[in-house]
Full PDB file with SEQRES, HELIX, SHEET, SSBOND, CRYST1, ORIGX, SCALE, CONECT and MASTER records, all heavy atoms in Angstrom:
SEQRES   1 A   32  GLY ALA TYR ARG GLN ARG THR GLY GLY THR ARG GLN LYS          
SEQRES   2 A   32  CYS LEU GLU PRO ALA VAL SER LYS CYS GLY VAL GLY SER          
SEQRES   3 A   32  ASP ASP MET LEU ARG GLN                                      
HELIX    1 AA1 ALA A   18  CYS A   22  1                                   5    
HELIX    2 AA2 ASP A   27  ARG A   31  1                                   5    
SHEET    1 AA1 2 ARG A   4  THR A   7  0                                        
SHEET    2 AA1 2 ARG A  11  CYS A  14 -1                                        
CRYST1    1.000    1.000    1.000  90.00  90.00  90.00 P 1           1          
ORIGX1      1.000000  0.000000  0.000000        0.00000                         
ORIGX2      0.000000  1.000000  0.000000        0.00000                         
ORIGX3      0.000000  0.000000  1.000000        0.00000                         
SCALE1      1.000000  0.000000  0.000000        0.00000                         
SCALE2      0.000000  1.000000  0.000000        0.00000                         
SCALE3      0.000000  0.000000  1.000000        0.00000                         
ATOM      1  N   GLY A   1      59.835-162.935 109.685  1.00  0.00           N  
ATOM      2  CA  GLY A   1      59.064-161.684 109.622  1.00  0.00           C  
ATOM      3  C   GLY A   1      59.332-160.899 110.804  1.00  0.00           C  
ATOM      4  O   GLY A   1      60.030-161.309 111.658  1.00  0.00           O  
ATOM      5  N   ALA A   2      58.611-159.899 110.804  1.00  0.00           N  
ATOM      6  CA  ALA A   2      58.679-158.992 111.979  1.00  0.00           C  
ATOM      7  C   ALA A   2      57.981-159.604 113.194  1.00  0.00           C  
ATOM      8  O   ALA A   2      57.062-160.277 113.121  1.00  0.00           O  
ATOM      9  CB  ALA A   2      57.951-157.637 111.732  1.00  0.00           C  
ATOM     10  N   TYR A   3      58.633-159.418 114.368  1.00  0.00           N  
ATOM     11  CA  TYR A   3      57.958-159.887 115.559  1.00  0.00           C  
ATOM     12  C   TYR A   3      58.173-158.813 116.697  1.00  0.00           C  
ATOM     13  O   TYR A   3      59.014-158.000 116.750  1.00  0.00           O  
ATOM     14  CB  TYR A   3      58.500-161.196 116.068  1.00  0.00           C  
ATOM     15  CG  TYR A   3      59.927-161.224 116.583  1.00  0.00           C  
ATOM     16  CD1 TYR A   3      60.113-160.886 117.876  1.00  0.00           C  
ATOM     17  CD2 TYR A   3      60.915-161.548 115.673  1.00  0.00           C  
ATOM     18  CE1 TYR A   3      61.517-160.914 118.334  1.00  0.00           C  
ATOM     19  CE2 TYR A   3      62.312-161.554 116.177  1.00  0.00           C  
ATOM     20  CZ  TYR A   3      62.464-161.332 117.529  1.00  0.00           C  
ATOM     21  OH  TYR A   3      63.812-161.387 117.871  1.00  0.00           O  
ATOM     22  N   ARG A   4      57.198-158.832 117.577  1.00  0.00           N  
ATOM     23  CA  ARG A   4      57.137-158.004 118.783  1.00  0.00           C  
ATOM     24  C   ARG A   4      57.589-158.797 120.010  1.00  0.00           C  
ATOM     25  O   ARG A   4      57.004-159.884 120.229  1.00  0.00           O  
ATOM     26  CB  ARG A   4      55.792-157.413 118.983  1.00  0.00           C  
ATOM     27  CG  ARG A   4      55.729-156.517 120.114  1.00  0.00           C  
ATOM     28  CD  ARG A   4      54.328-155.752 120.180  1.00  0.00           C  
ATOM     29  NE  ARG A   4      53.380-156.788 120.651  1.00  0.00           N  
ATOM     30  CZ  ARG A   4      52.408-157.243 119.894  1.00  0.00           C  
ATOM     31  NH1 ARG A   4      52.291-156.871 118.638  1.00  0.00           N  
ATOM     32  NH2 ARG A   4      51.510-158.203 120.394  1.00  0.00           N  
ATOM     33  N   GLN A   5      58.539-158.285 120.792  1.00  0.00           N  
ATOM     34  CA  GLN A   5      58.827-159.017 121.979  1.00  0.00           C  
ATOM     35  C   GLN A   5      58.120-158.248 123.234  1.00  0.00           C  
ATOM     36  O   GLN A   5      58.198-157.089 123.402  1.00  0.00           O  
ATOM     37  CB  GLN A   5      60.345-158.830 122.307  1.00  0.00           C  
ATOM     38  CG  GLN A   5      60.803-159.612 123.544  1.00  0.00           C  
ATOM     39  CD  GLN A   5      62.244-159.704 123.656  1.00  0.00           C  
ATOM     40  OE1 GLN A   5      62.885-160.218 122.697  1.00  0.00           O  
ATOM     41  NE2 GLN A   5      62.967-159.180 124.607  1.00  0.00           N  
ATOM     42  N   ARG A   6      57.600-159.131 124.053  1.00  0.00           N  
ATOM     43  CA  ARG A   6      56.710-158.634 125.276  1.00  0.00           C  
ATOM     44  C   ARG A   6      57.449-159.199 126.466  1.00  0.00           C  
ATOM     45  O   ARG A   6      57.705-160.359 126.363  1.00  0.00           O  
ATOM     46  CB  ARG A   6      55.348-158.995 125.114  1.00  0.00           C  
ATOM     47  CG  ARG A   6      54.569-158.513 126.228  1.00  0.00           C  
ATOM     48  CD  ARG A   6      53.034-158.686 126.215  1.00  0.00           C  
ATOM     49  NE  ARG A   6      52.802-160.260 126.058  1.00  0.00           N  
ATOM     50  CZ  ARG A   6      51.808-160.810 125.558  1.00  0.00           C  
ATOM     51  NH1 ARG A   6      50.865-160.094 124.930  1.00  0.00           N  
ATOM     52  NH2 ARG A   6      51.668-162.187 125.597  1.00  0.00           N  
ATOM     53  N   THR A   7      57.552-158.321 127.378  1.00  0.00           N  
ATOM     54  CA  THR A   7      58.416-158.961 128.680  1.00  0.00           C  
ATOM     55  C   THR A   7      57.314-158.874 129.794  1.00  0.00           C  
ATOM     56  O   THR A   7      56.573-158.062 129.925  1.00  0.00           O  
ATOM     57  CB  THR A   7      59.560-158.002 129.115  1.00  0.00           C  
ATOM     58  OG1 THR A   7      59.130-156.741 129.216  1.00  0.00           O  
ATOM     59  CG2 THR A   7      60.652-158.085 127.933  1.00  0.00           C  
ATOM     60  N   GLY A   8      57.432-159.869 130.610  1.00  0.00           N  
ATOM     61  CA  GLY A   8      56.630-159.969 131.832  1.00  0.00           C  
ATOM     62  C   GLY A   8      57.436-160.737 133.008  1.00  0.00           C  
ATOM     63  O   GLY A   8      58.665-160.366 133.096  1.00  0.00           O  
ATOM     64  N   GLY A   9      56.716-161.580 133.703  1.00  0.00           N  
ATOM     65  CA  GLY A   9      57.604-162.218 134.822  1.00  0.00           C  
ATOM     66  C   GLY A   9      58.711-163.074 134.193  1.00  0.00           C  
ATOM     67  O   GLY A   9      59.739-163.240 134.672  1.00  0.00           O  
ATOM     68  N   THR A  10      58.499-163.648 133.047  1.00  0.00           N  
ATOM     69  CA  THR A  10      59.501-164.343 132.349  1.00  0.00           C  
ATOM     70  C   THR A  10      59.382-163.757 130.901  1.00  0.00           C  
ATOM     71  O   THR A  10      58.306-163.208 130.459  1.00  0.00           O  
ATOM     72  CB  THR A  10      59.167-165.907 132.272  1.00  0.00           C  
ATOM     73  OG1 THR A  10      57.949-166.017 131.735  1.00  0.00           O  
ATOM     74  CG2 THR A  10      59.250-166.440 133.738  1.00  0.00           C  
ATOM     75  N   ARG A  11      60.430-163.940 130.130  1.00  0.00           N  
ATOM     76  CA  ARG A  11      60.566-163.351 128.949  1.00  0.00           C  
ATOM     77  C   ARG A  11      59.704-164.231 127.781  1.00  0.00           C  
ATOM     78  O   ARG A  11      59.687-165.418 127.867  1.00  0.00           O  
ATOM     79  CB  ARG A  11      61.958-163.471 128.305  1.00  0.00           C  
ATOM     80  CG  ARG A  11      62.154-162.668 127.031  1.00  0.00           C  
ATOM     81  CD  ARG A  11      63.664-162.606 126.725  1.00  0.00           C  
ATOM     82  NE  ARG A  11      64.185-163.839 126.615  1.00  0.00           N  
ATOM     83  CZ  ARG A  11      64.933-164.373 125.609  1.00  0.00           C  
ATOM     84  NH1 ARG A  11      64.933-163.660 124.444  1.00  0.00           N  
ATOM     85  NH2 ARG A  11      65.311-165.615 125.407  1.00  0.00           N  
ATOM     86  N   GLN A  12      58.879-163.629 127.070  1.00  0.00           N  
ATOM     87  CA  GLN A  12      58.054-164.220 126.192  1.00  0.00           C  
ATOM     88  C   GLN A  12      58.036-163.491 124.861  1.00  0.00           C  
ATOM     89  O   GLN A  12      57.770-162.264 124.780  1.00  0.00           O  
ATOM     90  CB  GLN A  12      56.567-164.374 126.714  1.00  0.00           C  
ATOM     91  CG  GLN A  12      55.630-164.959 125.744  1.00  0.00           C  
ATOM     92  CD  GLN A  12      54.272-164.955 126.223  1.00  0.00           C  
ATOM     93  OE1 GLN A  12      53.942-164.310 127.137  1.00  0.00           O  
ATOM     94  NE2 GLN A  12      53.348-165.700 125.648  1.00  0.00           N  
ATOM     95  N   LYS A  13      58.317-164.172 123.782  1.00  0.00           N  
ATOM     96  CA  LYS A  13      58.274-163.523 122.588  1.00  0.00           C  
ATOM     97  C   LYS A  13      56.992-163.718 121.876  1.00  0.00           C  
ATOM     98  O   LYS A  13      56.405-164.883 121.891  1.00  0.00           O  
ATOM     99  CB  LYS A  13      59.338-164.094 121.483  1.00  0.00           C  
ATOM    100  CG  LYS A  13      60.778-163.845 122.026  1.00  0.00           C  
ATOM    101  CD  LYS A  13      61.743-164.481 121.053  1.00  0.00           C  
ATOM    102  CE  LYS A  13      63.130-164.180 121.399  1.00  0.00           C  
ATOM    103  NZ  LYS A  13      64.195-164.861 120.597  1.00  0.00           N  
ATOM    104  N   CYS A  14      56.375-162.657 121.259  1.00  0.00           N  
ATOM    105  CA  CYS A  14      55.096-162.780 120.464  1.00  0.00           C  
ATOM    106  C   CYS A  14      55.436-162.589 119.178  1.00  0.00           C  
ATOM    107  O   CYS A  14      55.830-161.411 118.741  1.00  0.00           O  
ATOM    108  CB  CYS A  14      54.234-161.717 121.139  1.00  0.00           C  
ATOM    109  SG  CYS A  14      53.738-161.936 122.834  1.00  0.00           S  
ATOM    110  N   LEU A  15      55.469-163.573 118.422  1.00  0.00           N  
ATOM    111  CA  LEU A  15      55.760-163.586 117.160  1.00  0.00           C  
ATOM    112  C   LEU A  15      54.678-163.128 116.172  1.00  0.00           C  
ATOM    113  O   LEU A  15      53.490-163.418 116.239  1.00  0.00           O  
ATOM    114  CB  LEU A  15      56.289-164.977 116.542  1.00  0.00           C  
ATOM    115  CG  LEU A  15      57.386-165.529 117.352  1.00  0.00           C  
ATOM    116  CD1 LEU A  15      57.605-166.965 117.067  1.00  0.00           C  
ATOM    117  CD2 LEU A  15      58.695-164.746 117.208  1.00  0.00           C  
ATOM    118  N   GLU A  16      54.996-162.053 115.365  1.00  0.00           N  
ATOM    119  CA  GLU A  16      54.094-161.455 114.473  1.00  0.00           C  
ATOM    120  C   GLU A  16      54.650-161.659 113.059  1.00  0.00           C  
ATOM    121  O   GLU A  16      55.753-161.227 112.767  1.00  0.00           O  
ATOM    122  CB  GLU A  16      53.868-159.938 114.710  1.00  0.00           C  
ATOM    123  CG  GLU A  16      53.373-159.566 116.154  1.00  0.00           C  
ATOM    124  CD  GLU A  16      51.873-159.736 116.293  1.00  0.00           C  
ATOM    125  OE1 GLU A  16      51.266-159.813 115.176  1.00  0.00           O  
ATOM    126  OE2 GLU A  16      51.307-159.716 117.369  1.00  0.00           O  
ATOM    127  N   PRO A  17      53.932-162.321 112.058  1.00  0.00           N  
ATOM    128  CA  PRO A  17      52.408-162.514 112.184  1.00  0.00           C  
ATOM    129  C   PRO A  17      52.269-164.088 112.466  1.00  0.00           C  
ATOM    130  O   PRO A  17      51.020-164.461 112.413  1.00  0.00           O  
ATOM    131  CB  PRO A  17      52.051-162.332 110.691  1.00  0.00           C  
ATOM    132  CG  PRO A  17      53.118-162.853 109.957  1.00  0.00           C  
ATOM    133  CD  PRO A  17      54.465-162.359 110.782  1.00  0.00           C  
ATOM    134  N   ALA A  18      53.213-164.702 113.073  1.00  0.00           N  
ATOM    135  CA  ALA A  18      53.111-166.075 113.344  1.00  0.00           C  
ATOM    136  C   ALA A  18      51.874-166.398 114.350  1.00  0.00           C  
ATOM    137  O   ALA A  18      51.190-167.371 114.224  1.00  0.00           O  
ATOM    138  CB  ALA A  18      54.387-166.714 113.877  1.00  0.00           C  
ATOM    139  N   VAL A  19      51.749-165.487 115.366  1.00  0.00           N  
ATOM    140  CA  VAL A  19      50.769-165.812 116.413  1.00  0.00           C  
ATOM    141  C   VAL A  19      49.402-165.808 115.768  1.00  0.00           C  
ATOM    142  O   VAL A  19      48.625-166.687 116.087  1.00  0.00           O  
ATOM    143  CB  VAL A  19      50.849-164.593 117.418  1.00  0.00           C  
ATOM    144  CG1 VAL A  19      49.669-164.732 118.303  1.00  0.00           C  
ATOM    145  CG2 VAL A  19      52.214-164.739 118.347  1.00  0.00           C  
ATOM    146  N   SER A  20      49.047-164.842 114.864  1.00  0.00           N  
ATOM    147  CA  SER A  20      47.773-164.909 114.230  1.00  0.00           C  
ATOM    148  C   SER A  20      47.569-166.146 113.419  1.00  0.00           C  
ATOM    149  O   SER A  20      46.478-166.759 113.358  1.00  0.00           O  
ATOM    150  CB  SER A  20      47.492-163.595 113.426  1.00  0.00           C  
ATOM    151  OG  SER A  20      48.414-163.492 112.500  1.00  0.00           O  
ATOM    152  N   LYS A  21      48.594-166.547 112.603  1.00  0.00           N  
ATOM    153  CA  LYS A  21      48.543-167.613 111.779  1.00  0.00           C  
ATOM    154  C   LYS A  21      48.513-168.989 112.559  1.00  0.00           C  
ATOM    155  O   LYS A  21      47.845-169.868 112.095  1.00  0.00           O  
ATOM    156  CB  LYS A  21      49.759-167.631 110.743  1.00  0.00           C  
ATOM    157  CG  LYS A  21      49.552-166.504 109.743  1.00  0.00           C  
ATOM    158  CD  LYS A  21      50.697-166.808 108.682  1.00  0.00           C  
ATOM    159  CE  LYS A  21      50.448-165.711 107.568  1.00  0.00           C  
ATOM    160  NZ  LYS A  21      51.318-165.956 106.344  1.00  0.00           N  
ATOM    161  N   CYS A  22      49.029-168.997 113.803  1.00  0.00           N  
ATOM    162  CA  CYS A  22      48.997-170.198 114.564  1.00  0.00           C  
ATOM    163  C   CYS A  22      47.603-170.433 115.152  1.00  0.00           C  
ATOM    164  O   CYS A  22      47.284-171.493 115.642  1.00  0.00           O  
ATOM    165  CB  CYS A  22      50.096-170.116 115.673  1.00  0.00           C  
ATOM    166  SG  CYS A  22      51.737-170.341 114.990  1.00  0.00           S  
ATOM    167  N   GLY A  23      46.875-169.279 115.163  1.00  0.00           N  
ATOM    168  CA  GLY A  23      45.544-169.387 115.923  1.00  0.00           C  
ATOM    169  C   GLY A  23      45.714-169.067 117.403  1.00  0.00           C  
ATOM    170  O   GLY A  23      44.778-169.237 118.128  1.00  0.00           O  
ATOM    171  N   VAL A  24      46.874-168.664 117.849  1.00  0.00           N  
ATOM    172  CA  VAL A  24      47.034-168.348 119.252  1.00  0.00           C  
ATOM    173  C   VAL A  24      46.208-167.281 119.728  1.00  0.00           C  
ATOM    174  O   VAL A  24      45.734-167.110 120.846  1.00  0.00           O  
ATOM    175  CB  VAL A  24      48.441-168.141 119.621  1.00  0.00           C  
ATOM    176  CG1 VAL A  24      48.671-167.829 120.960  1.00  0.00           C  
ATOM    177  CG2 VAL A  24      49.309-169.381 119.316  1.00  0.00           C  
ATOM    178  N   GLY A  25      45.928-166.347 118.675  1.00  0.00           N  
ATOM    179  CA  GLY A  25      45.071-165.165 119.095  1.00  0.00           C  
ATOM    180  C   GLY A  25      43.632-165.518 119.238  1.00  0.00           C  
ATOM    181  O   GLY A  25      42.724-164.764 119.624  1.00  0.00           O  
ATOM    182  N   SER A  26      43.150-166.784 118.864  1.00  0.00           N  
ATOM    183  CA  SER A  26      41.907-167.288 119.112  1.00  0.00           C  
ATOM    184  C   SER A  26      41.520-167.835 120.403  1.00  0.00           C  
ATOM    185  O   SER A  26      42.332-168.818 120.752  1.00  0.00           O  
ATOM    186  CB  SER A  26      41.570-168.351 118.039  1.00  0.00           C  
ATOM    187  OG  SER A  26      40.361-168.999 118.184  1.00  0.00           O  
ATOM    188  N   ASP A  27      40.554-167.374 121.157  1.00  0.00           N  
ATOM    189  CA  ASP A  27      40.293-167.897 122.429  1.00  0.00           C  
ATOM    190  C   ASP A  27      39.964-169.332 122.331  1.00  0.00           C  
ATOM    191  O   ASP A  27      40.434-170.151 123.263  1.00  0.00           O  
ATOM    192  CB  ASP A  27      39.136-167.185 123.015  1.00  0.00           C  
ATOM    193  CG  ASP A  27      39.435-165.740 123.430  1.00  0.00           C  
ATOM    194  OD1 ASP A  27      40.732-165.456 123.552  1.00  0.00           O  
ATOM    195  OD2 ASP A  27      38.619-164.863 123.587  1.00  0.00           O  
ATOM    196  N   ASP A  28      39.147-169.831 121.446  1.00  0.00           N  
ATOM    197  CA  ASP A  28      38.876-171.158 121.277  1.00  0.00           C  
ATOM    198  C   ASP A  28      40.181-172.129 121.053  1.00  0.00           C  
ATOM    199  O   ASP A  28      40.260-173.189 121.702  1.00  0.00           O  
ATOM    200  CB  ASP A  28      37.850-171.376 120.224  1.00  0.00           C  
ATOM    201  CG  ASP A  28      36.495-170.737 120.630  1.00  0.00           C  
ATOM    202  OD1 ASP A  28      36.144-170.762 121.846  1.00  0.00           O  
ATOM    203  OD2 ASP A  28      35.669-170.603 119.625  1.00  0.00           O  
ATOM    204  N   MET A  29      40.864-171.645 120.180  1.00  0.00           N  
ATOM    205  CA  MET A  29      42.134-172.556 119.849  1.00  0.00           C  
ATOM    206  C   MET A  29      43.088-172.504 121.088  1.00  0.00           C  
ATOM    207  O   MET A  29      43.688-173.489 121.349  1.00  0.00           O  
ATOM    208  CB  MET A  29      42.823-172.005 118.594  1.00  0.00           C  
ATOM    209  CG  MET A  29      42.207-172.420 117.318  1.00  0.00           C  
ATOM    210  SD  MET A  29      43.196-172.532 115.931  1.00  0.00           S  
ATOM    211  CE  MET A  29      44.441-173.692 116.438  1.00  0.00           C  
ATOM    212  N   LEU A  30      43.126-171.364 121.691  1.00  0.00           N  
ATOM    213  CA  LEU A  30      44.140-171.217 122.793  1.00  0.00           C  
ATOM    214  C   LEU A  30      43.490-172.177 123.979  1.00  0.00           C  
ATOM    215  O   LEU A  30      44.314-172.928 124.677  1.00  0.00           O  
ATOM    216  CB  LEU A  30      44.115-169.834 123.301  1.00  0.00           C  
ATOM    217  CG  LEU A  30      45.196-169.522 124.536  1.00  0.00           C  
ATOM    218  CD1 LEU A  30      46.544-170.056 124.161  1.00  0.00           C  
ATOM    219  CD2 LEU A  30      45.094-168.126 124.941  1.00  0.00           C  
ATOM    220  N   ARG A  31      42.240-172.191 124.077  1.00  0.00           N  
ATOM    221  CA  ARG A  31      41.648-172.953 125.146  1.00  0.00           C  
ATOM    222  C   ARG A  31      41.896-174.550 124.858  1.00  0.00           C  
ATOM    223  O   ARG A  31      42.291-175.319 125.721  1.00  0.00           O  
ATOM    224  CB  ARG A  31      40.161-172.764 125.272  1.00  0.00           C  
ATOM    225  CG  ARG A  31      39.500-173.393 126.511  1.00  0.00           C  
ATOM    226  CD  ARG A  31      38.026-173.031 126.575  1.00  0.00           C  
ATOM    227  NE  ARG A  31      37.856-171.630 126.752  1.00  0.00           N  
ATOM    228  CZ  ARG A  31      37.457-170.719 125.809  1.00  0.00           C  
ATOM    229  NH1 ARG A  31      37.030-171.273 124.638  1.00  0.00           N  
ATOM    230  NH2 ARG A  31      37.355-169.444 125.974  1.00  0.00           N  
ATOM    231  N   GLN A  32      41.626-174.856 123.574  1.00  0.00           N  
ATOM    232  CA  GLN A  32      41.889-176.276 123.239  1.00  0.00           C  
ATOM    233  C   GLN A  32      43.352-176.626 123.479  1.00  0.00           C  
ATOM    234  O   GLN A  32      43.742-177.748 123.857  1.00  0.00           O  
ATOM    235  CB  GLN A  32      41.416-176.517 121.786  1.00  0.00           C  
ATOM    236  CG  GLN A  32      40.080-176.373 121.548  1.00  0.00           C  
ATOM    237  CD  GLN A  32      39.597-176.390 120.075  1.00  0.00           C  
ATOM    238  OE1 GLN A  32      40.474-176.669 119.311  1.00  0.00           O  
ATOM    239  NE2 GLN A  32      38.405-175.994 119.705  1.00  0.00           N  
TER     240      GLN A  32                                                      
MASTER        0    0    0    2    2    0    0    6  239    1    0    3          
END                                                                             
């Protein structure tokens, strides 16, 4: 599906809609 690429100190792909489905967007799941 479509994804957005975000760049920073190192290259990081932010996959949409995979990120939301993975729960990475959730603070609690990311913390765990």
